[in-house]
Amino acid sequence: MREVEVRGHYTEDELIRREAALLAGACPDGAWRIALDAGGKTLSSVEFAHVLSGRRNQGHRDIAFLIGGAEGLDPRLVAGCAMAISFGRATWPHLLVRGMLAEQVYRAQQILNRHPYHHGK
């Protein structure tokens, strides 16, 4: 996991632009990028697991999840991602989104390994 943070005082537009540049620069070369964005697609845990499995089966070694700050992600950064997903219409704090994402990645692993951790349909 890599975390980036814009330091300094900027207008909201400049802050979003600078953050987008830092996030893009932090992604490994060739990574399949997924933006976490309120306008993204909502997926069930099983659907999320299948997305990750599909990328792995297509030979994608790295997946980069991009989480923006309080102002959200630059729409141009989101447009440049392979997909955008959402954890619902509510606004979530950055640290909580990281925890929710970590749990969903773990749950996806358990689903794909047919482990009983996940009991949903």
Protein backbone atom coordinates (compact mmCIF):
# COMPACT_ATOMS: atom_id res chain seq x y z
CA MET A 1 0.00 0.00 0.00
CA ARG A 2 1.21 3.46 -0.85
CA GLU A 3 -0.35 6.59 0.51
CA VAL A 4 0.15 10.06 -0.91
CA GLU A 5 -0.86 13.41 0.51
CA VAL A 6 -0.83 16.91 -0.91
CA ARG A 7 0.77 19.32 1.52
CA GLY A 8 0.13 23.02 1.50
CA HIS A 9 -2.82 25.31 1.05
CA TYR A 10 -4.47 25.27 -2.38
CA THR A 11 -7.82 25.97 -3.92
CA GLU A 12 -10.05 22.91 -4.08
CA ASP A 13 -9.47 22.54 -7.83
CA GLU A 14 -5.69 22.76 -7.45
CA LEU A 15 -5.74 20.33 -4.53
CA ILE A 16 -7.71 17.77 -6.55
CA ARG A 17 -5.38 18.22 -9.54
CA ARG A 18 -2.24 17.80 -7.42
CA GLU A 19 -3.65 14.77 -5.65
CA ALA A 20 -4.52 13.17 -9.00
CA ALA A 21 -0.93 13.60 -10.18
CA LEU A 22 0.41 12.05 -6.97
CA LEU A 23 -2.01 9.12 -7.14
CA ALA A 24 -1.24 8.43 -10.80
CA GLY A 25 2.48 8.58 -10.07
CA ALA A 26 2.14 6.13 -7.16
CA CYS A 27 0.59 3.41 -9.33
CA PRO A 28 2.92 0.63 -10.48
CA ASP A 29 3.55 0.59 -14.23
CA GLY A 30 0.83 -1.39 -15.98
CA ALA A 31 -1.38 -1.60 -12.89
CA TRP A 32 -5.08 -2.07 -13.46
CA ARG A 33 -6.54 1.01 -11.78
CA ILE A 34 -9.83 1.08 -9.89
CA ALA A 35 -11.14 4.40 -8.59
CA LEU A 36 -13.25 4.47 -5.46
CA ASP A 37 -15.75 7.13 -6.38
CA ALA A 38 -19.31 7.95 -5.30
CA GLY A 39 -20.36 7.78 -8.96
CA GLY A 40 -18.86 4.33 -9.45
CA LYS A 41 -20.62 1.01 -9.79
CA THR A 42 -21.85 -0.68 -6.63
CA LEU A 43 -20.86 -4.33 -6.48
CA SER A 44 -21.81 -7.15 -4.19
CA SER A 45 -18.92 -8.91 -2.47
CA VAL A 46 -19.25 -11.83 -4.87
CA GLU A 47 -19.24 -9.50 -7.89
CA PHE A 48 -16.17 -7.73 -6.51
CA ALA A 49 -14.43 -11.10 -6.06
CA HIS A 50 -15.17 -11.99 -9.68
CA VAL A 51 -13.78 -8.66 -10.89
CA LEU A 52 -10.52 -9.30 -9.03
CA SER A 53 -10.40 -12.90 -10.21
CA GLY A 54 -10.95 -11.83 -13.80
CA ARG A 55 -8.05 -9.37 -13.67
CA ARG A 56 -5.79 -11.99 -12.11
CA ASN A 57 -6.78 -14.57 -14.75
CA GLN A 58 -6.00 -12.06 -17.49
CA GLY A 59 -2.47 -11.70 -16.16
CA HIS A 60 -2.75 -8.39 -14.33
CA ARG A 61 -0.13 -8.55 -11.61
CA ASP A 62 -0.97 -5.25 -9.94
CA ILE A 63 -4.28 -3.62 -9.13
CA ALA A 64 -4.21 -0.06 -7.80
CA PHE A 65 -7.19 1.23 -5.84
CA LEU A 66 -7.37 5.03 -5.92
CA ILE A 67 -9.06 6.71 -2.95
CA GLY A 68 -9.36 10.47 -3.01
CA GLY A 69 -9.41 12.95 -0.21
CA ALA A 70 -12.40 14.82 1.18
CA GLU A 71 -12.83 16.73 -2.09
CA GLY A 72 -13.11 13.54 -4.15
CA LEU A 73 -11.07 12.38 -7.11
CA ASP A 74 -10.30 14.40 -10.21
CA PRO A 75 -12.89 13.30 -12.80
CA ARG A 76 -10.09 12.98 -15.38
CA LEU A 77 -8.28 10.52 -13.11
CA VAL A 78 -11.49 8.51 -12.64
CA ALA A 79 -12.06 8.50 -16.41
CA GLY A 80 -8.56 7.10 -16.91
CA CYS A 81 -9.20 4.14 -14.62
CA ALA A 82 -10.34 0.75 -15.85
CA MET A 83 -13.38 1.05 -13.61
CA ALA A 84 -14.86 3.02 -10.74
CA ILE A 85 -16.60 1.41 -7.81
CA SER A 86 -18.61 2.85 -4.95
CA PHE A 87 -19.34 1.70 -1.43
CA GLY A 88 -22.71 3.43 -1.63
CA ARG A 89 -24.08 6.90 -1.97
CA ALA A 90 -23.00 8.04 1.49
CA THR A 91 -19.74 9.93 1.98
CA TRP A 92 -17.15 7.95 3.93
CA PRO A 93 -13.98 9.18 5.63
CA HIS A 94 -10.78 8.23 3.82
CA LEU A 95 -9.53 5.95 6.62
CA LEU A 96 -12.84 4.13 6.85
CA VAL A 97 -12.87 3.54 3.09
CA ARG A 98 -9.40 2.03 3.36
CA GLY A 99 -10.65 -0.35 6.04
CA MET A 100 -13.76 -1.24 4.06
CA LEU A 101 -11.67 -1.87 0.96
CA ALA A 102 -9.19 -4.05 2.87
CA GLU A 103 -12.07 -6.12 4.23
CA GLN A 104 -13.63 -6.51 0.77
CA VAL A 105 -10.30 -7.62 -0.74
CA TYR A 106 -9.91 -10.15 2.08
CA ARG A 107 -13.53 -11.29 1.62
CA ALA A 108 -12.95 -11.64 -2.13
CA GLN A 109 -9.97 -13.88 -1.44
CA GLN A 110 -12.10 -16.02 0.85
CA ILE A 111 -14.94 -16.20 -1.68
CA LEU A 112 -12.55 -17.27 -4.44
CA ASN A 113 -11.05 -19.93 -2.15
CA ARG A 114 -14.55 -21.11 -1.16
CA HIS A 115 -13.80 -20.42 2.48
CA PRO A 116 -16.83 -20.19 4.81
CA TYR A 117 -15.85 -16.64 5.93
CA HIS A 118 -18.33 -15.31 3.38
CA HIS A 119 -21.88 -16.61 3.83
CA GLY A 120 -23.68 -14.20 1.48
CA LYS A 121 -25.22 -15.17 -1.83
